[in-house]
N, C-alpha and C. Protein backbone atom coordinates (compact mmCIF):
# COMPACT_ATOMS: atom_id res chain seq x y z
N MET A 1 134.62 110.37 55.12
CA MET A 1 135.94 109.54 55.04
C MET A 1 136.15 108.40 55.48
N ARG A 2 136.88 107.45 55.28
CA ARG A 2 136.76 106.24 55.80
C ARG A 2 138.50 105.70 55.77
N TYR A 3 139.17 105.40 56.70
CA TYR A 3 140.61 105.28 56.65
C TYR A 3 140.64 103.65 57.61
N GLU A 4 141.62 103.39 57.51
CA GLU A 4 142.14 101.77 58.08
C GLU A 4 143.09 102.02 58.56
N THR A 5 143.50 101.79 60.20
CA THR A 5 144.68 101.39 60.49
C THR A 5 145.18 99.99 60.72
N PHE A 6 145.96 99.80 60.96
CA PHE A 6 146.88 98.70 61.49
C PHE A 6 147.48 98.06 62.46
N CYS A 7 147.81 99.19 63.15
CA CYS A 7 148.43 99.37 64.55
C CYS A 7 147.94 100.63 65.07
N ALA A 8 148.36 100.42 66.33
CA ALA A 8 147.92 101.58 67.61
C ALA A 8 148.71 102.99 66.68
N GLU A 9 149.70 102.78 66.38
CA GLU A 9 150.93 103.83 65.95
C GLU A 9 149.91 104.59 64.52
N GLU A 10 149.46 103.96 63.87
CA GLU A 10 148.36 104.46 62.51
C GLU A 10 147.28 105.51 63.22
N THR A 11 146.54 104.46 64.02
CA THR A 11 145.28 105.66 64.77
C THR A 11 145.65 106.77 65.48
N PHE A 12 147.16 106.58 66.30
CA PHE A 12 147.62 107.76 66.72
C PHE A 12 147.50 108.64 65.84
N ALA A 13 148.50 108.12 64.83
CA ALA A 13 148.27 109.27 63.56
C ALA A 13 147.49 109.70 62.69
N ILE A 14 146.63 109.74 62.93
CA ILE A 14 145.11 109.58 61.94
C ILE A 14 144.58 110.59 63.12
N GLY A 15 144.29 110.35 64.53
CA GLY A 15 144.09 111.51 65.32
C GLY A 15 144.97 112.87 65.62
N LYS A 16 145.88 112.24 65.34
CA LYS A 16 147.09 114.16 65.08
C LYS A 16 146.44 114.16 63.92
N ARG A 17 146.69 114.07 62.83
CA ARG A 17 146.17 114.85 61.81
C ARG A 17 145.11 115.72 61.90
N LEU A 18 143.88 115.07 62.48
CA LEU A 18 142.58 115.70 62.26
C LEU A 18 143.13 116.59 63.37
N GLY A 19 143.67 116.81 64.88
CA GLY A 19 143.87 117.09 65.97
C GLY A 19 144.63 118.81 65.15
N GLU A 20 145.30 118.55 64.45
CA GLU A 20 146.41 119.36 63.58
C GLU A 20 145.45 120.99 62.47
N ARG A 21 143.99 120.42 62.16
CA ARG A 21 143.42 120.81 61.95
C ARG A 21 142.26 121.57 62.48
N ALA A 22 142.53 120.77 63.95
CA ALA A 22 141.26 121.16 64.22
C ALA A 22 141.25 123.11 65.11
N ALA A 23 139.71 123.80 64.51
CA ALA A 23 139.84 124.99 65.30
C ALA A 23 139.29 124.94 66.33
N ALA A 24 139.09 126.57 67.06
CA ALA A 24 138.18 126.71 67.85
C ALA A 24 136.81 126.29 67.93
N GLY A 25 135.99 125.92 68.70
CA GLY A 25 134.75 126.46 68.59
C GLY A 25 134.11 124.74 68.03
N GLN A 26 134.96 123.62 67.60
CA GLN A 26 134.81 122.68 66.78
C GLN A 26 134.34 121.55 68.33
N ILE A 27 133.51 120.44 67.53
CA ILE A 27 132.87 119.58 68.28
C ILE A 27 132.85 118.14 67.85
N TYR A 28 133.64 117.26 68.36
CA TYR A 28 134.09 115.98 67.66
C TYR A 28 133.09 114.80 68.70
N THR A 29 132.35 114.08 68.46
CA THR A 29 131.83 112.84 68.83
C THR A 29 132.68 111.51 68.92
N LEU A 30 132.99 110.81 69.75
CA LEU A 30 133.86 110.07 69.33
C LEU A 30 133.19 108.95 69.92
N THR A 31 132.89 107.20 68.80
CA THR A 31 131.81 106.04 69.35
C THR A 31 132.77 105.11 69.19
N GLY A 32 132.77 104.18 69.47
CA GLY A 32 133.09 102.66 69.21
C GLY A 32 133.54 102.01 70.75
N ASP A 33 133.24 100.72 70.40
CA ASP A 33 133.52 99.88 71.55
C ASP A 33 134.35 100.04 72.66
N LEU A 34 134.09 99.21 73.56
CA LEU A 34 135.52 99.18 74.85
C LEU A 34 136.64 98.90 73.92
N GLY A 35 138.19 99.20 74.45
CA GLY A 35 139.28 98.63 73.69
C GLY A 35 139.16 98.66 71.99
N VAL A 36 138.64 99.57 71.34
CA VAL A 36 138.57 99.77 70.05
C VAL A 36 139.88 101.10 69.82
N GLY A 37 140.61 101.91 71.01
CA GLY A 37 141.26 102.92 70.32
C GLY A 37 140.79 103.97 70.23
N LYS A 38 139.81 104.40 70.88
CA LYS A 38 139.53 105.73 70.80
C LYS A 38 140.40 106.26 72.15
N THR A 39 141.42 106.09 72.98
CA THR A 39 142.08 107.01 73.97
C THR A 39 143.22 106.93 72.81
N VAL A 40 143.51 105.81 72.44
CA VAL A 40 145.23 106.15 71.32
C VAL A 40 144.59 107.78 70.45
N PHE A 41 143.40 107.03 70.00
CA PHE A 41 142.85 108.20 69.18
C PHE A 41 142.68 109.24 69.58
N THR A 42 142.48 109.87 70.46
CA THR A 42 142.48 110.95 71.47
C THR A 42 143.67 111.43 71.98
N GLN A 43 145.00 110.89 72.25
CA GLN A 43 146.02 110.85 72.58
C GLN A 43 146.49 111.66 71.48
N GLY A 44 146.16 111.09 70.44
CA GLY A 44 146.81 111.08 69.03
C GLY A 44 146.65 113.24 68.63
N PHE A 45 145.05 112.83 69.06
CA PHE A 45 144.27 114.00 68.40
C PHE A 45 145.21 115.65 69.46
N ALA A 46 145.11 115.13 70.42
CA ALA A 46 145.90 115.90 71.75
C ALA A 46 147.65 116.48 71.01
N ALA A 47 147.93 115.73 70.72
CA ALA A 47 149.41 115.45 70.53
C ALA A 47 148.81 116.79 68.78
N GLY A 48 148.23 116.95 67.97
CA GLY A 48 147.88 117.53 66.64
C GLY A 48 147.90 118.79 67.14
N LEU A 49 147.27 118.33 68.80
CA LEU A 49 147.07 119.91 69.15
C LEU A 49 148.14 121.22 70.17
N SER A 50 149.39 120.01 69.93
CA SER A 50 150.96 120.44 70.56
C SER A 50 150.45 120.74 72.63
N VAL A 51 149.66 119.36 72.97
CA VAL A 51 149.21 119.40 74.56
C VAL A 51 150.83 118.82 74.86
N ALA A 52 150.80 119.21 75.72
CA ALA A 52 152.06 119.12 76.16
C ALA A 52 152.06 117.76 77.31
N GLU A 53 151.03 117.75 77.73
CA GLU A 53 151.12 116.91 78.97
C GLU A 53 150.36 115.24 78.65
N PRO A 54 150.58 114.40 79.99
CA PRO A 54 149.69 113.01 79.09
C PRO A 54 148.63 112.75 78.95
N VAL A 55 147.80 112.16 78.22
CA VAL A 55 146.13 112.35 77.79
C VAL A 55 145.61 110.69 78.54
N ASN A 56 144.66 110.86 78.98
CA ASN A 56 144.44 110.05 79.82
C ASN A 56 142.61 109.89 79.43
N SER A 57 142.05 108.91 79.42
CA SER A 57 140.62 108.92 79.35
C SER A 57 139.74 109.60 80.32
N PRO A 58 139.20 110.04 80.61
CA PRO A 58 138.36 111.10 82.02
C PRO A 58 137.48 110.25 82.29
N THR A 59 137.41 108.61 82.39
CA THR A 59 135.82 108.24 82.78
C THR A 59 135.63 108.35 84.53
N PHE A 60 136.28 108.89 85.65
CA PHE A 60 135.80 109.10 86.58
C PHE A 60 135.47 110.27 86.95
N THR A 61 135.78 111.07 85.69
CA THR A 61 135.49 112.85 86.48
C THR A 61 134.79 113.64 84.95
N VAL A 62 134.15 112.94 84.28
CA VAL A 62 133.25 112.79 82.98
C VAL A 62 134.00 114.21 82.07
N VAL A 63 135.06 115.18 82.41
CA VAL A 63 135.53 115.78 81.67
C VAL A 63 137.11 115.98 82.06
N GLN A 64 138.07 116.20 81.14
CA GLN A 64 139.18 116.71 81.45
C GLN A 64 140.14 117.79 80.70
N VAL A 65 140.14 118.86 81.35
CA VAL A 65 140.97 120.34 80.42
C VAL A 65 142.38 120.12 80.11
N TYR A 66 142.90 120.03 79.07
CA TYR A 66 144.34 120.36 78.76
C TYR A 66 144.25 121.54 77.73
N ASP A 67 145.30 122.46 78.95
CA ASP A 67 145.36 123.62 77.84
C ASP A 67 146.65 123.89 77.85
N THR A 68 147.62 123.04 77.18
CA THR A 68 149.03 123.52 77.59
C THR A 68 149.23 123.20 75.54
N GLY A 69 147.94 123.32 74.91
CA GLY A 69 148.14 123.36 73.27
C GLY A 69 148.12 124.63 72.78
N ARG A 70 147.99 124.46 71.10
CA ARG A 70 147.41 125.77 70.34
C ARG A 70 146.05 125.87 71.10
N LEU A 71 145.35 125.08 71.06
CA LEU A 71 144.03 125.35 71.61
C LEU A 71 143.82 124.42 73.30
N PRO A 72 142.68 124.65 73.74
CA PRO A 72 142.20 123.82 75.17
C PRO A 72 141.69 122.87 74.46
N LEU A 73 142.05 121.82 75.24
CA LEU A 73 141.06 120.17 74.42
C LEU A 73 140.23 120.11 75.74
N TYR A 74 138.83 119.96 75.37
CA TYR A 74 138.03 119.75 76.51
C TYR A 74 137.78 118.25 75.96
N HIS A 75 138.52 116.78 76.84
CA HIS A 75 138.36 116.16 76.79
C HIS A 75 137.01 114.77 77.54
N PHE A 76 135.76 114.92 76.87
CA PHE A 76 134.78 114.14 77.53
C PHE A 76 134.52 112.74 77.24
N ASP A 77 134.38 112.19 78.52
CA ASP A 77 133.90 110.10 78.37
C ASP A 77 132.87 110.25 79.35
N ALA A 78 131.29 110.34 78.18
CA ALA A 78 130.00 110.27 78.58
C ALA A 78 130.01 108.88 79.27
N TYR A 79 130.96 107.84 79.29
CA TYR A 79 130.55 106.23 79.90
C TYR A 79 129.59 106.29 80.84
N ARG A 80 130.52 106.93 81.73
CA ARG A 80 129.55 106.74 83.31
C ARG A 80 128.42 107.62 83.54
N ILE A 81 127.82 107.89 82.35
CA ILE A 81 126.42 108.98 82.59
C ILE A 81 125.59 108.91 81.86
N GLY A 82 124.51 108.37 83.58
CA GLY A 82 123.07 107.76 83.87
C GLY A 82 122.13 109.15 83.41
N ASP A 83 122.05 109.74 83.58
CA ASP A 83 121.41 110.64 82.84
C ASP A 83 121.54 112.23 82.48
N VAL A 84 120.97 112.55 81.12
CA VAL A 84 121.86 113.84 80.35
C VAL A 84 122.15 114.94 81.06
N THR A 85 121.24 114.81 81.86
CA THR A 85 121.05 115.64 83.16
C THR A 85 122.09 116.40 83.78
N GLU A 86 123.34 114.71 84.25
CA GLU A 86 123.97 114.69 84.65
C GLU A 86 124.92 116.20 83.99
N MET A 87 125.21 115.97 82.64
CA MET A 87 125.65 117.18 82.04
C MET A 87 125.52 118.33 82.75
N ASP A 88 124.34 119.07 82.83
CA ASP A 88 124.24 120.38 83.15
C ASP A 88 124.93 120.57 84.55
N GLU A 89 125.33 119.44 85.44
CA GLU A 89 125.88 119.71 86.67
C GLU A 89 127.32 120.42 86.72
N ILE A 90 128.21 119.49 85.41
CA ILE A 90 128.96 119.47 85.19
C ILE A 90 129.45 121.20 84.27
N GLY A 91 128.63 121.71 83.96
CA GLY A 91 128.17 122.73 82.59
C GLY A 91 128.67 122.66 81.18
N TYR A 92 128.37 121.65 80.98
CA TYR A 92 129.05 120.95 79.89
C TYR A 92 128.84 122.16 78.69
N GLU A 93 127.64 123.54 78.96
CA GLU A 93 127.51 124.58 77.86
C GLU A 93 128.86 125.33 77.59
N ASP A 94 129.35 125.28 78.94
CA ASP A 94 130.82 126.31 78.70
C ASP A 94 131.82 125.80 77.71
N TYR A 95 132.16 124.51 78.17
CA TYR A 95 133.05 123.31 77.44
C TYR A 95 132.60 123.76 75.77
N PHE A 96 131.54 123.31 75.83
CA PHE A 96 130.55 123.04 74.26
C PHE A 96 131.00 124.47 73.22
N PHE A 97 130.52 125.23 73.89
CA PHE A 97 130.42 126.54 73.39
C PHE A 97 131.77 127.51 73.78
N GLY A 98 132.99 127.29 73.89
CA GLY A 98 134.22 127.48 74.80
C GLY A 98 134.97 128.26 73.79
N ASP A 99 136.16 128.20 73.96
CA ASP A 99 137.51 128.84 73.10
C ASP A 99 138.09 128.09 72.50
N GLY A 100 138.14 126.41 73.05
CA GLY A 100 138.77 125.38 73.05
C GLY A 100 137.78 124.51 71.64
N VAL A 101 138.48 122.92 71.88
CA VAL A 101 137.74 122.37 71.17
C VAL A 101 137.15 121.34 71.92
N CYS A 102 135.93 120.19 71.66
CA CYS A 102 135.31 119.42 72.14
C CYS A 102 135.96 117.79 71.79
N LEU A 103 136.03 116.90 72.61
CA LEU A 103 136.55 115.33 71.98
C LEU A 103 136.07 114.92 73.03
N ILE A 104 134.49 114.44 72.12
CA ILE A 104 132.87 113.62 73.33
C ILE A 104 133.26 111.92 73.58
N GLU A 105 133.90 111.07 73.85
CA GLU A 105 133.85 109.60 74.07
C GLU A 105 132.79 109.30 74.30
N TRP A 106 131.83 108.36 73.67
CA TRP A 106 130.59 107.28 73.85
C TRP A 106 129.48 108.75 74.04
N ALA A 107 129.81 109.20 72.92
CA ALA A 107 129.02 110.85 72.48
C ALA A 107 127.26 109.91 72.19
N ASP A 108 127.11 108.97 72.16
CA ASP A 108 125.87 108.69 71.69
C ASP A 108 125.38 108.13 72.80
N LEU A 109 125.98 108.21 74.13
CA LEU A 109 124.74 108.15 75.51
C LEU A 109 124.29 109.78 75.57
N ILE A 110 124.74 110.56 75.08
CA ILE A 110 124.13 112.20 75.53
C ILE A 110 123.94 112.58 74.07
N ARG A 111 123.53 111.79 73.17
CA ARG A 111 123.20 112.39 71.57
C ARG A 111 122.24 113.71 71.56
N GLU A 112 121.47 113.99 72.60
CA GLU A 112 120.32 114.73 72.29
C GLU A 112 120.90 116.18 73.01
N ILE A 113 122.01 116.12 73.26
CA ILE A 113 122.66 117.36 73.64
C ILE A 113 123.58 117.90 72.40
N ILE A 114 124.09 117.02 71.77
CA ILE A 114 125.58 117.26 70.72
C ILE A 114 124.49 118.54 69.80
N PRO A 115 125.30 118.98 70.12
CA PRO A 115 125.09 120.37 68.57
C PRO A 115 125.01 119.83 67.07
N ALA A 116 124.06 120.27 66.41
CA ALA A 116 124.28 120.37 64.79
C ALA A 116 125.62 120.66 64.67
N GLY A 117 125.70 120.05 63.62
CA GLY A 117 127.60 120.52 63.53
C GLY A 117 128.62 119.61 64.03
N ALA A 118 128.41 118.78 64.72
CA ALA A 118 129.34 118.62 65.30
C ALA A 118 130.08 117.14 64.79
N SER A 119 130.97 117.27 64.44
CA SER A 119 131.83 116.25 63.55
C SER A 119 131.60 114.97 64.36
N ALA A 120 131.89 113.48 63.46
CA ALA A 120 131.36 112.32 63.93
C ALA A 120 132.74 111.53 63.63
N VAL A 121 133.55 110.93 64.66
CA VAL A 121 134.56 109.86 64.45
C VAL A 121 134.31 108.67 65.13
N THR A 122 134.14 107.44 64.10
CA THR A 122 133.57 106.13 64.73
C THR A 122 134.89 105.26 64.75
N ILE A 123 135.06 104.44 65.40
CA ILE A 123 136.48 103.58 65.14
C ILE A 123 135.76 102.22 65.89
N GLU A 124 135.95 101.46 64.77
CA GLU A 124 135.24 99.90 64.64
C GLU A 124 136.60 99.14 64.43
N LYS A 125 136.39 98.19 65.21
CA LYS A 125 137.12 96.80 64.80
C LYS A 125 136.59 95.82 64.03
N GLU A 126 137.55 95.00 63.34
CA GLU A 126 137.27 94.01 62.68
C GLU A 126 137.75 92.70 62.99
N PRO A 127 137.51 91.77 63.36
CA PRO A 127 138.88 90.77 64.03
C PRO A 127 139.23 89.51 62.93
N ALA A 128 138.23 89.80 62.14
CA ALA A 128 138.72 88.67 60.63
C ALA A 128 139.86 89.52 59.79
N ARG A 129 140.10 90.65 60.19
CA ARG A 129 140.90 91.81 59.61
C ARG A 129 142.00 91.61 60.15
N GLY A 130 142.43 91.52 61.52
CA GLY A 130 143.62 91.27 62.60
C GLY A 130 143.10 92.10 63.68
N ALA A 131 143.96 91.56 64.60
CA ALA A 131 143.67 91.92 66.39
C ALA A 131 144.04 93.41 66.32
N ASP A 132 145.03 94.25 65.38
CA ASP A 132 144.87 95.05 65.49
C ASP A 132 144.31 96.15 64.63
N TYR A 133 143.41 95.69 63.62
CA TYR A 133 142.99 96.38 62.14
C TYR A 133 141.95 96.92 62.92
N ARG A 134 141.61 98.56 62.45
CA ARG A 134 140.51 99.19 63.10
C ARG A 134 140.56 100.09 61.57
N ARG A 135 139.02 100.38 61.61
CA ARG A 135 138.50 101.09 60.57
C ARG A 135 137.47 102.38 61.26
N ILE A 136 138.26 103.41 60.37
CA ILE A 136 138.19 104.93 61.64
C ILE A 136 137.42 105.89 60.13
N THR A 137 136.02 105.93 60.75
CA THR A 137 135.23 107.16 59.81
C THR A 137 134.76 108.39 60.56
N ILE A 138 135.10 109.39 59.52
CA ILE A 138 135.01 110.81 59.94
C ILE A 138 134.01 111.65 59.25
N GLU A 139 133.14 111.80 60.17
CA GLU A 139 131.87 112.63 58.82
C GLU A 139 131.92 114.00 59.42
N GLY A 140 132.44 115.25 58.61
CA GLY A 140 131.45 116.46 58.99
C GLY A 140 133.19 117.15 59.62
N ALA A 141 134.38 116.45 59.06
CA ALA A 141 135.61 116.96 59.48
C ALA A 141 136.99 116.72 57.59
N GLU A 142 137.77 117.18 57.71
CA GLU A 142 138.26 116.92 56.37
C GLU A 142 139.75 116.55 57.37
N LEU A 143 141.07 115.59 56.65
CA LEU A 143 142.19 115.25 57.28
C LEU A 143 143.21 116.23 56.25
């Protein structure tokens, strides 16, 4: 499915709707250029899970665990992963196959370990349509 948003609040709302429907064991990949709105989308996703704490990009920690919602949210940021073996060092399989939901920013950098069946979210800008315009494509999940 494709969605268009014209402000950060609409991007947040799409993420929230997806989070409301998320189930334990699901993995969502999240790709898009820097500054495209991945963190805003993730904040909406977390709100859909009723996560009570502030959600930020875990760029320097690779994974941030939020366990105040209806399901644990395992929020990964693979931007700084130099080699996929670094994911072994943090025990990614415990998260991927745990009792929560995984949302993985920059998942294309670790695609070889992403399980089959993961849902994919791609966020794109199109400057000609306005500075706040985003095209959000969701594959493998319904809103």
